Amino acid sequence: AVEFIKAKHEQPFFLAVGFHKPHDPFIAPKKYFDLYPLEDCDPPVLPADWEPPYEHTLPGETKEFNKFTDQERREFLRSYYACCTFMDAQVGKLMKALEESGQLENTLVVFFGDHGYHLGEHGWWNKVTVFEKGTAAPFIMAGPLLGKTGVESDAMFEFIDIYPTLADVLDLDNIPDHLEGLSFASVIQNPSESFRTEVRAITRRGEMLGNSVKNTKWRYVEWDDGKSGRELYDQLGDPIEYHNLAEDPAYAEIVEEMQLLLHNDPRISGSKE
């Protein structure tokens, strides 16, 4: 990628660079591990006697993770942090190449992960969940088109919105008219704006699907269209999502509202529209 960036280009280019890290195996030069002493790597503390609402809430057997000693949990955290920093250093090489080739001020850089990750929350040390930890992903945009730097936004979007946004911002031609995603270019111009009022995620457990919908207040999950369970979490009062409220009568109206929201999407099987 660095060689490509430094080569002479007559036309604007698009370059996609994928980094394997911090995916396992957690291998990185020792200097990155040294940045994270074990005593500083504190694993999360779960609520007493917490259990997943359903066996399929988590994607596999947690027995091996449950065997982790405190030492092993800290080693896992240190390894993950080290690999994140190792990957970050590689991104730095690309940024340096853009700078040295005089293209940094004429390039839109988009950095994102493909999913979230649990680092001990819910007793899980992996991915493939529809919890916030499994579905929220890092996303950074940088470049001269964006104006101010270091600006954060709480706007929610889905990965399918990235391409329409880039096409919009870069004023590309011949964009397909059948895209499901939407452009959040307005948020780039005004980060305080909201975008999607809800976002969705889906996961699979064998032949069974888990569909979720999230707004600014609640996350709602249905397993096998609700036949194999439902989950409801208060995103504000319970941000790590340990307390399933779906079967609490006090939240019956919220469940009904979120259920309608979930099924009011043509991408979801059994949609009402």
C-alpha atoms as a PDB file:
ATOM      1  CA  ALA A   1       0.000   0.000   0.000  1.00  0.00           C
ATOM      2  CA  VAL A   2       2.865   2.386   0.828  1.00  0.00           C
ATOM      3  CA  GLU A   3       4.484   1.623  -2.537  1.00  0.00           C
ATOM      4  CA  PHE A   4       1.191   2.272  -4.298  1.00  0.00           C
ATOM      5  CA  ILE A   5       0.714   5.591  -2.510  1.00  0.00           C
ATOM      6  CA  LYS A   6       4.230   6.760  -3.381  1.00  0.00           C
ATOM      7  CA  ALA A   7       3.902   5.783  -7.043  1.00  0.00           C
ATOM      8  CA  LYS A   8       2.983   8.489  -9.549  1.00  0.00           C
ATOM      9  CA  HIS A   9      -0.736   8.661 -10.345  1.00  0.00           C
ATOM     10  CA  GLU A  10      -2.304  10.605 -13.194  1.00  0.00           C
ATOM     11  CA  GLN A  11      -5.826  10.147 -11.856  1.00  0.00           C
ATOM     12  CA  PRO A  12      -7.415  10.167  -8.384  1.00  0.00           C
ATOM     13  CA  PHE A  13      -7.354   6.711  -6.821  1.00  0.00           C
ATOM     14  CA  PHE A  14      -9.239   4.625  -4.294  1.00  0.00           C
ATOM     15  CA  LEU A  15      -7.181   2.326  -2.099  1.00  0.00           C
ATOM     16  CA  ALA A  16      -8.671  -0.196   0.351  1.00  0.00           C
ATOM     17  CA  VAL A  17      -6.219  -1.583   2.896  1.00  0.00           C
ATOM     18  CA  GLY A  18      -7.275  -4.347   5.275  1.00  0.00           C
ATOM     19  CA  PHE A  19      -5.422  -5.070   8.514  1.00  0.00           C
ATOM     20  CA  HIS A  20      -5.704  -8.504  10.068  1.00  0.00           C
ATOM     21  CA  LYS A  21      -4.879  -7.260  13.551  1.00  0.00           C
ATOM     22  CA  PRO A  22      -6.145  -7.132  16.204  1.00  0.00           C
ATOM     23  CA  HIS A  23      -7.681 -10.447  15.137  1.00  0.00           C
ATOM     24  CA  ASP A  24      -6.216 -13.512  16.791  1.00  0.00           C
ATOM     25  CA  PRO A  25      -3.675 -15.039  16.972  1.00  0.00           C
ATOM     26  CA  PHE A  26      -2.454 -12.228  19.208  1.00  0.00           C
ATOM     27  CA  ILE A  27       1.059 -11.919  17.835  1.00  0.00           C
ATOM     28  CA  ALA A  28       2.942  -8.618  17.783  1.00  0.00           C
ATOM     29  CA  PRO A  29       6.475  -7.366  18.472  1.00  0.00           C
ATOM     30  CA  LYS A  30       7.363  -7.395  22.167  1.00  0.00           C
ATOM     31  CA  LYS A  31       7.637  -3.609  22.369  1.00  0.00           C
ATOM     32  CA  TYR A  32       3.884  -3.305  21.944  1.00  0.00           C
ATOM     33  CA  PHE A  33       3.232  -5.728  24.798  1.00  0.00           C
ATOM     34  CA  ASP A  34       5.607  -3.748  26.996  1.00  0.00           C
ATOM     35  CA  LEU A  35       3.304  -0.729  26.699  1.00  0.00           C
ATOM     36  CA  TYR A  36       0.649  -2.529  28.742  1.00  0.00           C
ATOM     37  CA  PRO A  37       1.781  -3.858  32.149  1.00  0.00           C
ATOM     38  CA  LEU A  38      -0.425  -6.670  33.402  1.00  0.00           C
ATOM     39  CA  GLU A  39      -1.331  -4.755  36.546  1.00  0.00           C
ATOM     40  CA  ASP A  40      -2.910  -2.053  34.357  1.00  0.00           C
ATOM     41  CA  CYS A  41      -5.033  -4.520  32.396  1.00  0.00           C
ATOM     42  CA  ASP A  42      -8.125  -4.794  34.556  1.00  0.00           C
ATOM     43  CA  PRO A  43     -10.771  -7.224  33.279  1.00  0.00           C
ATOM     44  CA  PRO A  44     -14.431  -6.204  33.660  1.00  0.00           C
ATOM     45  CA  VAL A  45     -16.386  -7.246  36.728  1.00  0.00           C
ATOM     46  CA  LEU A  46     -19.678  -8.957  35.938  1.00  0.00           C
ATOM     47  CA  PRO A  47     -22.795  -8.533  38.090  1.00  0.00           C
ATOM     48  CA  ALA A  48     -23.061 -11.237  40.725  1.00  0.00           C
ATOM     49  CA  ASP A  49     -24.618 -14.467  39.445  1.00  0.00           C
ATOM     50  CA  TRP A  50     -25.121 -13.052  35.938  1.00  0.00           C
ATOM     51  CA  GLU A  51     -26.064 -15.609  33.292  1.00  0.00           C
ATOM     52  CA  PRO A  52     -26.871 -15.060  29.610  1.00  0.00           C
ATOM     53  CA  PRO A  53     -30.662 -14.906  29.083  1.00  0.00           C
ATOM     54  CA  TYR A  54     -30.510 -17.854  26.680  1.00  0.00           C
ATOM     55  CA  GLU A  55     -27.960 -20.458  25.718  1.00  0.00           C
ATOM     56  CA  HIS A  56     -27.836 -18.913  22.245  1.00  0.00           C
ATOM     57  CA  THR A  57     -27.399 -15.325  23.462  1.00  0.00           C
ATOM     58  CA  LEU A  58     -23.655 -15.939  23.165  1.00  0.00           C
ATOM     59  CA  PRO A  59     -22.354 -17.687  20.051  1.00  0.00           C
ATOM     60  CA  GLY A  60     -20.729 -20.709  21.641  1.00  0.00           C
ATOM     61  CA  GLU A  61     -19.743 -22.531  24.756  1.00  0.00           C
ATOM     62  CA  THR A  62     -18.303 -20.204  27.383  1.00  0.00           C
ATOM     63  CA  LYS A  63     -16.827 -23.071  29.392  1.00  0.00           C
ATOM     64  CA  GLU A  64     -13.274 -22.431  28.213  1.00  0.00           C
ATOM     65  CA  PHE A  65     -13.570 -18.720  28.925  1.00  0.00           C
ATOM     66  CA  ASN A  66     -15.016 -19.496  32.354  1.00  0.00           C
ATOM     67  CA  LYS A  67     -11.808 -21.392  33.134  1.00  0.00           C
ATOM     68  CA  PHE A  68      -9.708 -18.248  32.690  1.00  0.00           C
ATOM     69  CA  THR A  69      -7.681 -17.273  35.718  1.00  0.00           C
ATOM     70  CA  ASP A  70      -7.218 -13.609  36.587  1.00  0.00           C
ATOM     71  CA  GLN A  71      -3.717 -13.870  35.107  1.00  0.00           C
ATOM     72  CA  GLU A  72      -5.093 -15.238  31.835  1.00  0.00           C
ATOM     73  CA  ARG A  73      -7.746 -12.513  31.602  1.00  0.00           C
ATOM     74  CA  ARG A  74      -5.063  -9.873  32.021  1.00  0.00           C
ATOM     75  CA  GLU A  75      -2.822 -11.596  29.488  1.00  0.00           C
ATOM     76  CA  PHE A  76      -5.709 -11.645  27.025  1.00  0.00           C
ATOM     77  CA  LEU A  77      -6.351  -7.917  27.491  1.00  0.00           C
ATOM     78  CA  ARG A  78      -2.671  -7.070  27.160  1.00  0.00           C
ATOM     79  CA  SER A  79      -2.402  -9.145  23.990  1.00  0.00           C
ATOM     80  CA  TYR A  80      -5.442  -7.488  22.428  1.00  0.00           C
ATOM     81  CA  TYR A  81      -4.216  -4.001  23.334  1.00  0.00           C
ATOM     82  CA  ALA A  82      -0.746  -4.795  21.973  1.00  0.00           C
ATOM     83  CA  CYS A  83      -2.163  -5.967  18.658  1.00  0.00           C
ATOM     84  CA  CYS A  84      -4.363  -2.863  18.392  1.00  0.00           C
ATOM     85  CA  THR A  85      -1.309  -0.659  18.870  1.00  0.00           C
ATOM     86  CA  PHE A  86       0.711  -2.766  16.417  1.00  0.00           C
ATOM     87  CA  MET A  87      -2.050  -2.269  13.836  1.00  0.00           C
ATOM     88  CA  ASP A  88      -2.180   1.447  14.642  1.00  0.00           C
ATOM     89  CA  ALA A  89       1.520   1.718  13.834  1.00  0.00           C
ATOM     90  CA  GLN A  90       0.868   0.231  10.390  1.00  0.00           C
ATOM     91  CA  VAL A  91      -1.870   2.810   9.773  1.00  0.00           C
ATOM     92  CA  GLY A  92       0.745   5.399  10.714  1.00  0.00           C
ATOM     93  CA  LYS A  93       2.971   4.147   7.885  1.00  0.00           C
ATOM     94  CA  LEU A  94       0.174   4.817   5.397  1.00  0.00           C
ATOM     95  CA  MET A  95      -0.453   8.283   6.790  1.00  0.00           C
ATOM     96  CA  LYS A  96       3.268   9.052   6.607  1.00  0.00           C
ATOM     97  CA  ALA A  97       3.385   7.878   2.989  1.00  0.00           C
ATOM     98  CA  LEU A  98       0.481  10.181   2.127  1.00  0.00           C
ATOM     99  CA  GLU A  99       2.251  13.065   3.844  1.00  0.00           C
ATOM    100  CA  GLU A 100       5.641  12.428   2.231  1.00  0.00           C
ATOM    101  CA  SER A 101       4.070  12.114  -1.225  1.00  0.00           C
ATOM    102  CA  GLY A 102       2.204  15.399  -0.824  1.00  0.00           C
ATOM    103  CA  GLN A 103      -1.217  13.741  -0.952  1.00  0.00           C
ATOM    104  CA  LEU A 104      -2.336  13.937   2.664  1.00  0.00           C
ATOM    105  CA  GLU A 105      -4.174  17.221   2.155  1.00  0.00           C
ATOM    106  CA  ASN A 106      -5.920  15.862  -0.917  1.00  0.00           C
ATOM    107  CA  THR A 107      -7.075  12.528   0.465  1.00  0.00           C
ATOM    108  CA  LEU A 108     -10.164  11.439   2.353  1.00  0.00           C
ATOM    109  CA  VAL A 109      -9.190   8.756   4.864  1.00  0.00           C
ATOM    110  CA  VAL A 110     -11.872   6.444   6.285  1.00  0.00           C
ATOM    111  CA  PHE A 111     -10.911   4.056   9.071  1.00  0.00           C
ATOM    112  CA  PHE A 112     -13.312   1.469  10.488  1.00  0.00           C
ATOM    113  CA  GLY A 113     -13.467  -1.960  12.068  1.00  0.00           C
ATOM    114  CA  ASP A 114     -15.765  -4.701  10.817  1.00  0.00           C
ATOM    115  CA  HIS A 115     -17.496  -5.326  14.152  1.00  0.00           C
ATOM    116  CA  GLY A 116     -17.242  -4.811  17.881  1.00  0.00           C
ATOM    117  CA  TYR A 117     -15.583  -7.165  20.371  1.00  0.00           C
ATOM    118  CA  HIS A 118     -16.148  -8.409  23.899  1.00  0.00           C
ATOM    119  CA  LEU A 119     -13.186  -8.227  26.257  1.00  0.00           C
ATOM    120  CA  GLY A 120     -14.753 -10.145  29.121  1.00  0.00           C
ATOM    121  CA  GLU A 121     -18.123  -8.405  29.176  1.00  0.00           C
ATOM    122  CA  HIS A 122     -20.868 -11.023  29.561  1.00  0.00           C
ATOM    123  CA  GLY A 123     -18.087 -13.520  30.268  1.00  0.00           C
ATOM    124  CA  TRP A 124     -17.304 -13.515  26.547  1.00  0.00           C
ATOM    125  CA  TRP A 125     -13.944 -12.884  24.903  1.00  0.00           C
ATOM    126  CA  ASN A 126     -14.850 -12.829  21.254  1.00  0.00           C
ATOM    127  CA  LYS A 127     -17.289 -11.426  18.680  1.00  0.00           C
ATOM    128  CA  VAL A 128     -20.540 -12.469  16.905  1.00  0.00           C
ATOM    129  CA  THR A 129     -23.093 -11.058  19.345  1.00  0.00           C
ATOM    130  CA  VAL A 130     -25.830  -8.470  18.941  1.00  0.00           C
ATOM    131  CA  PHE A 131     -24.921  -6.737  22.188  1.00  0.00           C
ATOM    132  CA  GLU A 132     -23.541  -3.202  21.948  1.00  0.00           C
ATOM    133  CA  LYS A 133     -20.050  -4.605  22.498  1.00  0.00           C
ATOM    134  CA  GLY A 134     -20.452  -6.849  19.469  1.00  0.00           C
ATOM    135  CA  THR A 135     -22.088  -4.415  17.076  1.00  0.00           C
ATOM    136  CA  ALA A 136     -20.528  -1.001  17.782  1.00  0.00           C
ATOM    137  CA  ALA A 137     -17.435  -0.528  15.652  1.00  0.00           C
ATOM    138  CA  PRO A 138     -14.740   2.171  15.468  1.00  0.00           C
ATOM    139  CA  PHE A 139     -15.247   4.697  12.675  1.00  0.00           C
ATOM    140  CA  ILE A 140     -13.053   7.694  11.857  1.00  0.00           C
ATOM    141  CA  MET A 141     -13.036  10.020   8.864  1.00  0.00           C
ATOM    142  CA  ALA A 142     -10.223  12.497   8.244  1.00  0.00           C
ATOM    143  CA  GLY A 143      -9.362  14.849   5.431  1.00  0.00           C
ATOM    144  CA  PRO A 144      -9.712  18.358   4.031  1.00  0.00           C
ATOM    145  CA  LEU A 145     -13.368  17.844   3.101  1.00  0.00           C
ATOM    146  CA  LEU A 146     -14.325  17.566   6.748  1.00  0.00           C
ATOM    147  CA  GLY A 147     -13.366  20.983   8.094  1.00  0.00           C
ATOM    148  CA  LYS A 148     -12.645  20.813  11.822  1.00  0.00           C
ATOM    149  CA  THR A 149     -10.625  17.944  13.280  1.00  0.00           C
ATOM    150  CA  GLY A 150     -11.205  16.003  16.488  1.00  0.00           C
ATOM    151  CA  VAL A 151     -14.989  16.322  16.230  1.00  0.00           C
ATOM    152  CA  GLU A 152     -17.162  13.535  17.637  1.00  0.00           C
ATOM    153  CA  SER A 153     -20.713  12.628  16.653  1.00  0.00           C
ATOM    154  CA  ASP A 154     -23.363  10.493  18.343  1.00  0.00           C
ATOM    155  CA  ALA A 155     -25.236   9.918  15.082  1.00  0.00           C
ATOM    156  CA  MET A 156     -26.079   6.275  14.381  1.00  0.00           C
ATOM    157  CA  PHE A 157     -25.542   4.679  10.979  1.00  0.00           C
ATOM    158  CA  GLU A 158     -25.035   1.249   9.445  1.00  0.00           C
ATOM    159  CA  PHE A 159     -22.159  -0.022   7.311  1.00  0.00           C
ATOM    160  CA  ILE A 160     -24.401   0.038   4.243  1.00  0.00           C
ATOM    161  CA  ASP A 161     -24.443   3.844   4.616  1.00  0.00           C
ATOM    162  CA  ILE A 162     -20.686   4.251   4.097  1.00  0.00           C
ATOM    163  CA  TYR A 163     -20.627   3.863   0.314  1.00  0.00           C
ATOM    164  CA  PRO A 164     -23.579   6.208  -0.368  1.00  0.00           C
ATOM    165  CA  THR A 165     -21.931   8.767   1.913  1.00  0.00           C
ATOM    166  CA  LEU A 166     -18.570   8.621   0.127  1.00  0.00           C
ATOM    167  CA  ALA A 167     -20.314   8.793  -3.244  1.00  0.00           C
ATOM    168  CA  ASP A 168     -22.188  11.867  -2.039  1.00  0.00           C
ATOM    169  CA  VAL A 169     -19.207  13.627  -0.456  1.00  0.00           C
ATOM    170  CA  LEU A 170     -16.940  12.961  -3.447  1.00  0.00           C
ATOM    171  CA  ASP A 171     -19.695  13.728  -5.981  1.00  0.00           C
ATOM    172  CA  LEU A 172     -19.209  10.467  -7.848  1.00  0.00           C
ATOM    173  CA  ASP A 173     -21.066   9.662 -11.066  1.00  0.00           C
ATOM    174  CA  ASN A 174     -23.027   6.547 -12.068  1.00  0.00           C
ATOM    175  CA  ILE A 175     -24.122   5.625  -8.545  1.00  0.00           C
ATOM    176  CA  PRO A 176     -26.666   2.749  -8.484  1.00  0.00           C
ATOM    177  CA  ASP A 177     -30.185   3.803  -7.569  1.00  0.00           C
ATOM    178  CA  HIS A 178     -31.049   0.576  -5.728  1.00  0.00           C
ATOM    179  CA  LEU A 179     -28.811   1.067  -2.680  1.00  0.00           C
ATOM    180  CA  GLU A 180     -30.306   0.305   0.726  1.00  0.00           C
ATOM    181  CA  GLY A 181     -27.848   2.622   2.463  1.00  0.00           C
ATOM    182  CA  LEU A 182     -28.278   6.362   2.945  1.00  0.00           C
ATOM    183  CA  SER A 183     -25.798   9.214   2.861  1.00  0.00           C
ATOM    184  CA  PHE A 184     -24.895  10.780   6.215  1.00  0.00           C
ATOM    185  CA  ALA A 185     -23.001  13.611   4.510  1.00  0.00           C
ATOM    186  CA  SER A 186     -25.145  16.093   6.443  1.00  0.00           C
ATOM    187  CA  VAL A 187     -23.668  14.764   9.682  1.00  0.00           C
ATOM    188  CA  ILE A 188     -20.165  15.324   8.340  1.00  0.00           C
ATOM    189  CA  GLN A 189     -21.067  18.966   7.824  1.00  0.00           C
ATOM    190  CA  ASN A 190     -22.888  19.228  11.150  1.00  0.00           C
ATOM    191  CA  PRO A 191     -21.806  16.488  13.618  1.00  0.00           C
ATOM    192  CA  SER A 192     -24.491  17.485  16.130  1.00  0.00           C
ATOM    193  CA  GLU A 193     -27.206  16.332  13.722  1.00  0.00           C
ATOM    194  CA  SER A 194     -28.879  12.973  14.189  1.00  0.00           C
ATOM    195  CA  PHE A 195     -29.111  10.534  11.293  1.00  0.00           C
ATOM    196  CA  ARG A 196     -30.831   7.171  11.617  1.00  0.00           C
ATOM    197  CA  THR A 197     -33.386   6.951  14.411  1.00  0.00           C
ATOM    198  CA  GLU A 198     -32.614   3.257  14.742  1.00  0.00           C
ATOM    199  CA  VAL A 199     -30.015   0.780  13.507  1.00  0.00           C
ATOM    200  CA  ARG A 200     -30.159  -2.966  13.058  1.00  0.00           C
ATOM    201  CA  ALA A 201     -27.886  -5.966  13.364  1.00  0.00           C
ATOM    202  CA  ILE A 202     -28.275  -9.673  12.734  1.00  0.00           C
ATOM    203  CA  THR A 203     -26.421 -12.815  13.755  1.00  0.00           C
ATOM    204  CA  ARG A 204     -26.832 -16.523  13.186  1.00  0.00           C
ATOM    205  CA  ARG A 205     -26.893 -19.476  15.537  1.00  0.00           C
ATOM    206  CA  GLY A 206     -26.955 -22.508  13.270  1.00  0.00           C
ATOM    207  CA  GLU A 207     -30.265 -22.248  11.409  1.00  0.00           C
ATOM    208  CA  MET A 208     -31.626 -19.650  13.838  1.00  0.00           C
ATOM    209  CA  LEU A 209     -31.316 -15.910  13.351  1.00  0.00           C
ATOM    210  CA  GLY A 210     -31.054 -13.254  16.019  1.00  0.00           C
ATOM    211  CA  ASN A 211     -32.386  -9.890  14.846  1.00  0.00           C
ATOM    212  CA  SER A 212     -31.847  -6.707  16.831  1.00  0.00           C
ATOM    213  CA  VAL A 213     -32.884  -3.088  16.570  1.00  0.00           C
ATOM    214  CA  LYS A 214     -31.421  -0.233  18.605  1.00  0.00           C
ATOM    215  CA  ASN A 215     -32.448   3.378  19.081  1.00  0.00           C
ATOM    216  CA  THR A 216     -30.998   5.986  21.418  1.00  0.00           C
ATOM    217  CA  LYS A 217     -32.783   4.450  24.431  1.00  0.00           C
ATOM    218  CA  TRP A 218     -33.376   0.731  23.887  1.00  0.00           C
ATOM    219  CA  ARG A 219     -31.942  -2.370  22.260  1.00  0.00           C
ATOM    220  CA  TYR A 220     -34.407  -5.137  21.379  1.00  0.00           C
ATOM    221  CA  VAL A 221     -33.504  -8.648  20.187  1.00  0.00           C
ATOM    222  CA  GLU A 222     -35.641 -11.473  18.830  1.00  0.00           C
ATOM    223  CA  TRP A 223     -34.358 -15.007  18.428  1.00  0.00           C
ATOM    224  CA  ASP A 224     -36.150 -16.955  15.700  1.00  0.00           C
ATOM    225  CA  ASP A 225     -38.783 -14.183  15.405  1.00  0.00           C
ATOM    226  CA  GLY A 226     -39.306 -14.337  19.157  1.00  0.00           C
ATOM    227  CA  LYS A 227     -40.090 -18.042  19.298  1.00  0.00           C
ATOM    228  CA  SER A 228     -36.738 -18.727  20.953  1.00  0.00           C
ATOM    229  CA  GLY A 229     -36.626 -15.696  23.188  1.00  0.00           C
ATOM    230  CA  ARG A 230     -36.549 -11.918  23.370  1.00  0.00           C
ATOM    231  CA  GLU A 231     -34.174  -9.462  24.986  1.00  0.00           C
ATOM    232  CA  LEU A 232     -34.651  -5.797  25.888  1.00  0.00           C
ATOM    233  CA  TYR A 233     -31.938  -3.563  27.318  1.00  0.00           C
ATOM    234  CA  ASP A 234     -31.956  -0.011  28.630  1.00  0.00           C
ATOM    235  CA  GLN A 235     -29.108   1.598  26.678  1.00  0.00           C
ATOM    236  CA  LEU A 236     -28.852   4.524  29.089  1.00  0.00           C
ATOM    237  CA  GLY A 237     -29.349   2.893  32.479  1.00  0.00           C
ATOM    238  CA  ASP A 238     -27.635  -0.394  31.600  1.00  0.00           C
ATOM    239  CA  PRO A 239     -25.102   0.432  28.850  1.00  0.00           C
ATOM    240  CA  ILE A 240     -23.274  -2.915  29.034  1.00  0.00           C
ATOM    241  CA  GLU A 241     -26.644  -4.696  28.771  1.00  0.00           C
ATOM    242  CA  TYR A 242     -26.711  -7.111  31.675  1.00  0.00           C
ATOM    243  CA  HIS A 243     -30.388  -6.841  32.648  1.00  0.00           C
ATOM    244  CA  ASN A 244     -32.871  -8.327  30.197  1.00  0.00           C
ATOM    245  CA  LEU A 245     -36.192  -6.531  30.640  1.00  0.00           C
ATOM    246  CA  ALA A 246     -38.133  -8.244  27.859  1.00  0.00           C
ATOM    247  CA  GLU A 247     -40.265 -10.407  30.137  1.00  0.00           C
ATOM    248  CA  ASP A 248     -40.831  -7.743  32.772  1.00  0.00           C
ATOM    249  CA  PRO A 249     -44.517  -6.674  32.582  1.00  0.00           C
ATOM    250  CA  ALA A 250     -43.502  -3.106  33.391  1.00  0.00           C
ATOM    251  CA  TYR A 251     -41.804  -2.907  29.985  1.00  0.00           C
ATOM    252  CA  ALA A 252     -44.515  -4.612  27.906  1.00  0.00           C
ATOM    253  CA  GLU A 253     -45.348  -1.421  26.011  1.00  0.00           C
ATOM    254  CA  ILE A 254     -41.678  -0.795  25.223  1.00  0.00           C
ATOM    255  CA  VAL A 255     -41.326  -4.360  23.943  1.00  0.00           C
ATOM    256  CA  GLU A 256     -44.352  -3.866  21.696  1.00  0.00           C
ATOM    257  CA  GLU A 257     -42.949  -0.594  20.336  1.00  0.00           C
ATOM    258  CA  MET A 258     -39.545  -2.112  19.641  1.00  0.00           C
ATOM    259  CA  GLN A 259     -41.119  -5.187  18.101  1.00  0.00           C
ATOM    260  CA  LEU A 260     -43.009  -3.006  15.618  1.00  0.00           C
ATOM    261  CA  LEU A 261     -39.816  -1.113  14.918  1.00  0.00           C
ATOM    262  CA  LEU A 262     -37.866  -4.302  14.278  1.00  0.00           C
ATOM    263  CA  HIS A 263     -40.403  -5.692  11.837  1.00  0.00           C
ATOM    264  CA  ASN A 264     -40.951  -2.399  10.063  1.00  0.00           C
ATOM    265  CA  ASP A 265     -37.854  -2.997   7.965  1.00  0.00           C
ATOM    266  CA  PRO A 266     -38.024  -4.760   4.564  1.00  0.00           C
ATOM    267  CA  ARG A 267     -34.583  -6.292   5.144  1.00  0.00           C
ATOM    268  CA  ILE A 268     -35.894  -8.390   8.043  1.00  0.00           C
ATOM    269  CA  SER A 269     -37.592 -11.704   7.328  1.00  0.00           C
ATOM    270  CA  GLY A 270     -41.292 -11.502   8.096  1.00  0.00           C
ATOM    271  CA  SER A 271     -41.408  -7.742   7.629  1.00  0.00           C
ATOM    272  CA  LYS A 272     -44.806  -6.083   7.763  1.00  0.00           C
ATOM    273  CA  GLU A 273     -43.872  -3.924   4.763  1.00  0.00           C
END
